Amino acid sequence: MATHARPAPGLATVQLRNRMILSARRIITEHWPRVDRCPVCGSGWPCPPTETAYGYLTSVGQGNWAPPQRTRAQR
């Protein structure tokens, strides 16, 4: 029998949504380009993980999100 990763029992829908939003933002921050290249994947911008993360953020109405300038400058 196959087992699937499931949220912890009692995890509310809103909590799951918020965790997914934070995960998508983290992916975007980690993969933010340096001179039009992804520092993690090495591919052109946008890389596949970033496209997926932005796709999710767009579906929840936050598709224009970008990492703060301070975070981008540290990388």
Protein backbone atom coordinates (compact mmCIF):
# COMPACT_ATOMS: atom_id res chain seq x y z
CA MET A 1 0.00 0.00 0.00
CA ALA A 2 1.40 3.36 -0.99
CA THR A 3 1.65 6.01 1.67
CA HIS A 4 1.29 9.66 0.89
CA ALA A 5 2.63 12.64 2.79
CA ARG A 6 -0.26 14.21 4.59
CA PRO A 7 -0.56 17.28 6.75
CA ALA A 8 -0.51 16.73 10.50
CA PRO A 9 -3.91 15.81 11.92
CA GLY A 10 -5.88 18.89 12.81
CA LEU A 11 -4.00 21.20 10.43
CA ALA A 12 -6.54 23.74 9.28
CA THR A 13 -6.95 24.65 5.62
CA VAL A 14 -5.81 28.21 6.33
CA GLN A 15 -2.66 26.94 8.06
CA LEU A 16 -1.83 24.69 5.12
CA ARG A 17 -2.39 27.56 2.68
CA ASN A 18 -0.12 29.85 4.73
CA ARG A 19 2.63 27.20 4.85
CA MET A 20 2.43 26.75 1.09
CA ILE A 21 2.67 30.51 0.56
CA LEU A 22 5.77 30.68 2.77
CA SER A 23 7.31 27.73 0.92
CA ALA A 24 6.67 29.35 -2.46
CA ARG A 25 8.22 32.61 -1.25
CA ARG A 26 11.28 30.75 0.06
CA ILE A 27 11.74 29.00 -3.30
CA ILE A 28 11.53 32.33 -5.12
CA THR A 29 14.00 33.96 -2.71
CA GLU A 30 16.52 31.10 -3.00
CA HIS A 31 16.26 30.97 -6.79
CA TRP A 32 16.24 34.76 -7.33
CA PRO A 33 18.48 35.47 -10.33
CA ARG A 34 21.87 37.02 -10.48
CA VAL A 35 22.30 38.58 -13.91
CA ASP A 36 19.38 36.63 -15.42
CA ARG A 37 20.59 33.21 -14.19
CA CYS A 38 19.30 31.13 -11.30
CA PRO A 39 22.07 30.67 -8.70
CA VAL A 40 20.65 27.27 -7.66
CA CYS A 41 19.66 25.69 -10.99
CA GLY A 42 22.01 27.61 -13.28
CA SER A 43 19.26 27.90 -15.86
CA GLY A 44 17.83 31.05 -17.40
CA TRP A 45 15.26 33.12 -15.58
CA PRO A 46 12.66 32.07 -14.66
CA CYS A 47 13.75 28.56 -13.70
CA PRO A 48 11.14 25.76 -13.40
CA PRO A 49 10.92 25.84 -9.55
CA THR A 50 10.33 29.60 -9.66
CA GLU A 51 7.65 29.25 -12.33
CA THR A 52 5.85 26.68 -10.17
CA ALA A 53 6.12 28.86 -7.06
CA TYR A 54 4.82 31.92 -8.92
CA GLY A 55 2.03 29.80 -10.38
CA TYR A 56 0.88 28.91 -6.88
CA LEU A 57 1.19 32.49 -5.61
CA THR A 58 -0.83 33.69 -8.61
CA SER A 59 -3.56 31.17 -7.80
CA VAL A 60 -3.90 32.65 -4.30
CA GLY A 61 -3.77 36.26 -5.49
CA GLN A 62 -0.12 37.04 -4.68
CA GLY A 63 1.49 36.66 -8.10
CA ASN A 64 3.32 40.00 -7.95
CA TRP A 65 5.37 39.09 -4.87
CA ALA A 66 9.15 39.58 -5.04
CA PRO A 67 11.80 39.22 -2.33
CA PRO A 68 12.60 42.42 -0.45
CA GLN A 69 15.59 44.38 -1.78
CA ARG A 70 17.62 43.70 1.39
CA THR A 71 17.23 39.93 0.95
CA ARG A 72 18.21 40.06 -2.71
CA ALA A 73 21.28 42.20 -1.96
CA GLN A 74 22.60 39.69 0.61
CA ARG A 75 22.80 36.87 -1.91
